[in-house]
C-alpha atoms as a PDB file:
ATOM      1  CA  MET A   1     101.103 115.371  95.507  1.00  0.00           C
ATOM      2  CA  ASN A   2      99.041 113.802  98.255  1.00  0.00           C
ATOM      3  CA  ARG A   3      99.795 114.167 101.963  1.00  0.00           C
ATOM      4  CA  TYR A   4     101.306 110.683 102.340  1.00  0.00           C
ATOM      5  CA  ALA A   5     103.733 111.215  99.452  1.00  0.00           C
ATOM      6  CA  GLN A   6     104.772 114.551 100.971  1.00  0.00           C
ATOM      7  CA  LEU A   7     105.376 112.931 104.346  1.00  0.00           C
ATOM      8  CA  ILE A   8     107.571 110.219 102.816  1.00  0.00           C
ATOM      9  CA  SER A   9     109.473 112.839 100.784  1.00  0.00           C
ATOM     10  CA  VAL A  10     110.147 114.871 103.936  1.00  0.00           C
ATOM     11  CA  LYS A  11     111.290 111.755 105.823  1.00  0.00           C
ATOM     12  CA  ILE A  12     113.665 110.795 102.996  1.00  0.00           C
ATOM     13  CA  LEU A  13     115.095 114.312 102.836  1.00  0.00           C
ATOM     14  CA  ARG A  14     115.609 114.386 106.614  1.00  0.00           C
ATOM     15  CA  GLY A  15     117.130 110.930 106.569  1.00  0.00           C
ATOM     16  CA  ASN A  16     114.409 109.379 108.735  1.00  0.00           C
ATOM     17  CA  LEU A  17     113.372 106.861 106.097  1.00  0.00           C
ATOM     18  CA  SER A  18     115.943 105.077 103.964  1.00  0.00           C
ATOM     19  CA  THR A  19     115.528 104.505 100.251  1.00  0.00           C
ATOM     20  CA  ARG A  20     115.383 100.777 100.929  1.00  0.00           C
ATOM     21  CA  GLN A  21     112.441 101.203 103.339  1.00  0.00           C
ATOM     22  CA  THR A  22     110.701 103.439 100.827  1.00  0.00           C
ATOM     23  CA  LEU A  23     111.123 100.874  98.066  1.00  0.00           C
ATOM     24  CA  TRP A  24     109.746  98.091 100.297  1.00  0.00           C
ATOM     25  CA  LYS A  25     106.728 100.235 101.181  1.00  0.00           C
ATOM     26  CA  LEU A  26     106.169 101.101  97.530  1.00  0.00           C
ATOM     27  CA  LEU A  27     106.426  97.421  96.590  1.00  0.00           C
ATOM     28  CA  ALA A  28     103.913  96.503  99.305  1.00  0.00           C
ATOM     29  CA  TYR A  29     101.435  99.112  98.059  1.00  0.00           C
ATOM     30  CA  LEU A  30     101.852  98.066  94.425  1.00  0.00           C
ATOM     31  CA  LEU A  31     101.406  94.373  95.289  1.00  0.00           C
ATOM     32  CA  THR A  32      98.296  95.179  97.309  1.00  0.00           C
ATOM     33  CA  ILE A  33      96.717  97.221  94.530  1.00  0.00           C
ATOM     34  CA  GLY A  34      97.765  94.653  91.922  1.00  0.00           C
ATOM     35  CA  PHE A  35      96.240  91.741  93.853  1.00  0.00           C
ATOM     36  CA  ILE A  36      93.020  93.642  94.466  1.00  0.00           C
ATOM     37  CA  VAL A  37      92.667  94.315  90.735  1.00  0.00           C
ATOM     38  CA  TYR A  38      93.644  90.712  89.879  1.00  0.00           C
ATOM     39  CA  GLU A  39      91.057  89.221  92.250  1.00  0.00           C
ATOM     40  CA  LEU A  40      88.431  91.662  91.050  1.00  0.00           C
ATOM     41  CA  LEU A  41      88.975  90.725  87.408  1.00  0.00           C
ATOM     42  CA  THR A  42      89.476  86.964  87.829  1.00  0.00           C
ATOM     43  CA  SER A  43      87.198  86.033  90.726  1.00  0.00           C
ATOM     44  CA  ILE A  44      84.585  88.662  91.475  1.00  0.00           C
ATOM     45  CA  MET A  45      83.452  89.920  88.057  1.00  0.00           C
ATOM     46  CA  GLY A  46      82.077  86.621  86.740  1.00  0.00           C
ATOM     47  CA  MET A  47      80.935  85.121  90.030  1.00  0.00           C
ATOM     48  CA  LYS A  48      77.512  83.469  90.176  1.00  0.00           C
ATOM     49  CA  LEU A  49      76.221  82.496  93.623  1.00  0.00           C
ATOM     50  CA  GLU A  50      73.558  79.948  94.496  1.00  0.00           C
ATOM     51  CA  PRO A  51      72.074  79.397  97.960  1.00  0.00           C
ATOM     52  CA  LYS A  52      72.945  76.135  99.707  1.00  0.00           C
ATOM     53  CA  TRP A  53      71.826  74.786 103.085  1.00  0.00           C
ATOM     54  CA  GLU A  54      74.544  72.942 104.966  1.00  0.00           C
ATOM     55  CA  ASP A  55      74.160  71.691 108.566  1.00  0.00           C
ATOM     56  CA  GLY A  56      71.186  74.001 109.024  1.00  0.00           C
ATOM     57  CA  VAL A  57      73.169  77.056 107.912  1.00  0.00           C
ATOM     58  CA  LEU A  58      72.489  79.001 104.738  1.00  0.00           C
ATOM     59  CA  THR A  59      75.631  79.496 102.688  1.00  0.00           C
ATOM     60  CA  TYR A  60      76.194  80.681  99.154  1.00  0.00           C
ATOM     61  CA  GLU A  61      78.247  78.657  96.736  1.00  0.00           C
ATOM     62  CA  ASN A  62      80.118  79.952  93.724  1.00  0.00           C
ATOM     63  CA  VAL A  63      78.879  77.947  90.733  1.00  0.00           C
ATOM     64  CA  THR A  64      81.448  79.340  88.293  1.00  0.00           C
ATOM     65  CA  GLN A  65      84.848  77.717  87.911  1.00  0.00           C
ATOM     66  CA  PRO A  66      87.201  79.173  90.569  1.00  0.00           C
ATOM     67  CA  GLY A  67      90.457  80.625  89.316  1.00  0.00           C
ATOM     68  CA  PHE A  68      93.997  80.013  90.513  1.00  0.00           C
ATOM     69  CA  PRO A  69      94.323  81.388  94.089  1.00  0.00           C
ATOM     70  CA  LEU A  70      97.447  83.452  93.340  1.00  0.00           C
ATOM     71  CA  MET A  71      96.713  86.152  95.916  1.00  0.00           C
ATOM     72  CA  VAL A  72      96.142  83.635  98.716  1.00  0.00           C
ATOM     73  CA  ILE A  73      99.386  81.818  97.923  1.00  0.00           C
ATOM     74  CA  VAL A  74     101.517  84.975  97.767  1.00  0.00           C
ATOM     75  CA  VAL A  75     100.017  86.481 100.941  1.00  0.00           C
ATOM     76  CA  THR A  76     100.537  83.175 102.782  1.00  0.00           C
ATOM     77  CA  LEU A  77     104.163  83.065 101.611  1.00  0.00           C
ATOM     78  CA  VAL A  78     104.700  86.643 102.815  1.00  0.00           C
ATOM     79  CA  PHE A  79     103.192  85.832 106.231  1.00  0.00           C
ATOM     80  CA  GLY A  80     105.376  82.729 106.419  1.00  0.00           C
ATOM     81  CA  ALA A  81     108.536  84.653 105.487  1.00  0.00           C
ATOM     82  CA  VAL A  82     107.811  87.386 108.024  1.00  0.00           C
ATOM     83  CA  GLY A  83     107.050  84.675 110.598  1.00  0.00           C
ATOM     84  CA  VAL A  84     110.426  83.037 109.941  1.00  0.00           C
ATOM     85  CA  LEU A  85     112.178  86.414 110.278  1.00  0.00           C
ATOM     86  CA  LEU A  86     110.402  87.150 113.564  1.00  0.00           C
ATOM     87  CA  MET A  87     111.253  83.697 114.838  1.00  0.00           C
ATOM     88  CA  LYS A  88     114.950  83.947 113.920  1.00  0.00           C
ATOM     89  CA  LYS A  89     115.608  87.579 114.824  1.00  0.00           C
ATOM     90  CA  LEU A  90     113.304  88.158 117.805  1.00  0.00           C
ATOM     91  CA  ARG A  91     112.473  84.614 118.971  1.00  0.00           C
ATOM     92  CA  PHE A  92     108.754  85.201 118.371  1.00  0.00           C
ATOM     93  CA  PRO A  93     107.344  82.062 116.686  1.00  0.00           C
ATOM     94  CA  TRP A  94     103.604  82.770 116.792  1.00  0.00           C
ATOM     95  CA  LEU A  95     103.123  84.320 113.349  1.00  0.00           C
ATOM     96  CA  PHE A  96     104.970  81.414 111.767  1.00  0.00           C
ATOM     97  CA  ILE A  97     102.966  78.898 113.807  1.00  0.00           C
ATOM     98  CA  GLY A  98      99.705  80.618 112.853  1.00  0.00           C
ATOM     99  CA  THR A  99     100.668  80.522 109.178  1.00  0.00           C
ATOM    100  CA  VAL A 100     101.535  76.814 109.366  1.00  0.00           C
ATOM    101  CA  VAL A 101      98.235  76.114 111.159  1.00  0.00           C
ATOM    102  CA  MET A 102      96.379  77.983 108.413  1.00  0.00           C
ATOM    103  CA  LEU A 103      98.174  75.973 105.720  1.00  0.00           C
ATOM    104  CA  LEU A 104      97.385  72.705 107.500  1.00  0.00           C
ATOM    105  CA  GLY A 105      93.773  73.842 107.816  1.00  0.00           C
ATOM    106  CA  GLY A 106      93.594  74.417 104.067  1.00  0.00           C
ATOM    107  CA  VAL A 107      94.962  70.939 103.384  1.00  0.00           C
ATOM    108  CA  LEU A 108      92.671  69.295 105.932  1.00  0.00           C
ATOM    109  CA  ALA A 109      89.638  71.167 104.591  1.00  0.00           C
ATOM    110  CA  ASN A 110      90.138  69.390 101.256  1.00  0.00           C
ATOM    111  CA  TRP A 111      90.074  65.978 102.949  1.00  0.00           C
ATOM    112  CA  ILE A 112      87.566  66.610 105.718  1.00  0.00           C
ATOM    113  CA  LYS A 113      84.352  68.001 104.295  1.00  0.00           C
ATOM    114  CA  ASN A 114      83.100  69.161 107.708  1.00  0.00           C
ATOM    115  CA  PHE A 115      82.588  72.808 106.822  1.00  0.00           C
ATOM    116  CA  PRO A 116      83.190  74.548 110.190  1.00  0.00           C
ATOM    117  CA  ILE A 117      86.710  73.117 110.573  1.00  0.00           C
ATOM    118  CA  MET A 118      88.271  75.816 108.390  1.00  0.00           C
ATOM    119  CA  ASN A 119      86.716  78.483 110.589  1.00  0.00           C
ATOM    120  CA  VAL A 120      88.636  77.107 113.592  1.00  0.00           C
ATOM    121  CA  PHE A 121      91.931  77.311 111.705  1.00  0.00           C
ATOM    122  CA  GLU A 122      91.130  80.834 110.529  1.00  0.00           C
ATOM    123  CA  LEU A 123      90.390  81.827 114.130  1.00  0.00           C
ATOM    124  CA  LEU A 124      93.744  80.414 115.254  1.00  0.00           C
ATOM    125  CA  PHE A 125      95.478  82.361 112.486  1.00  0.00           C
ATOM    126  CA  ILE A 126      93.724  85.573 113.544  1.00  0.00           C
ATOM    127  CA  VAL A 127      94.811  84.944 117.150  1.00  0.00           C
ATOM    128  CA  SER A 128      98.416  84.637 115.927  1.00  0.00           C
ATOM    129  CA  LEU A 129      98.032  87.958 114.065  1.00  0.00           C
ATOM    130  CA  VAL A 130      96.715  89.641 117.229  1.00  0.00           C
ATOM    131  CA  MET A 131      99.589  88.170 119.250  1.00  0.00           C
ATOM    132  CA  THR A 132     102.056  89.497 116.671  1.00  0.00           C
ATOM    133  CA  LYS A 133     100.546  92.986 116.857  1.00  0.00           C
ATOM    134  CA  HIS A 134     100.675  92.831 120.670  1.00  0.00           C
ATOM    135  CA  PHE A 135     104.334  91.774 120.444  1.00  0.00           C
ATOM    136  CA  GLN A 136     105.014  94.705 118.110  1.00  0.00           C
ATOM    137  CA  PHE A 137     103.651  97.104 120.737  1.00  0.00           C
ATOM    138  CA  GLN A 138     105.884  95.531 123.395  1.00  0.00           C
ATOM    139  CA  VAL A 139     109.023  95.835 121.254  1.00  0.00           C
ATOM    140  CA  HIS A 140     108.440  99.472 120.344  1.00  0.00           C
END
């Protein structure tokens, strides 16, 4: 048994970690591993990249047919759900706002073909993640 499993077992036995928390953590780990394997098999294994110059910047474009972005959708839904919970329970709206901004950026990127625009929305989402982590430190 690895060290992490021993630590969780000790916490459960001492009553420091409920069975519900343990199941949520186990689910999170299984989803993470499952999505990594899914993306590896569906997106990465058959990828063929070709160089492309765009606005004076060298980028690489995937020339194979992209698969269904299941991982992106599920992770975005999880961020949105956690954002709603933080907003309702702790009156902290920034994770939810960052998730909505990221979703709007994805929609706008399909209409506006100006390639750096998605980077701005990703930066705003990362700022909301940093603000959420900062808020977590303040609460605990």
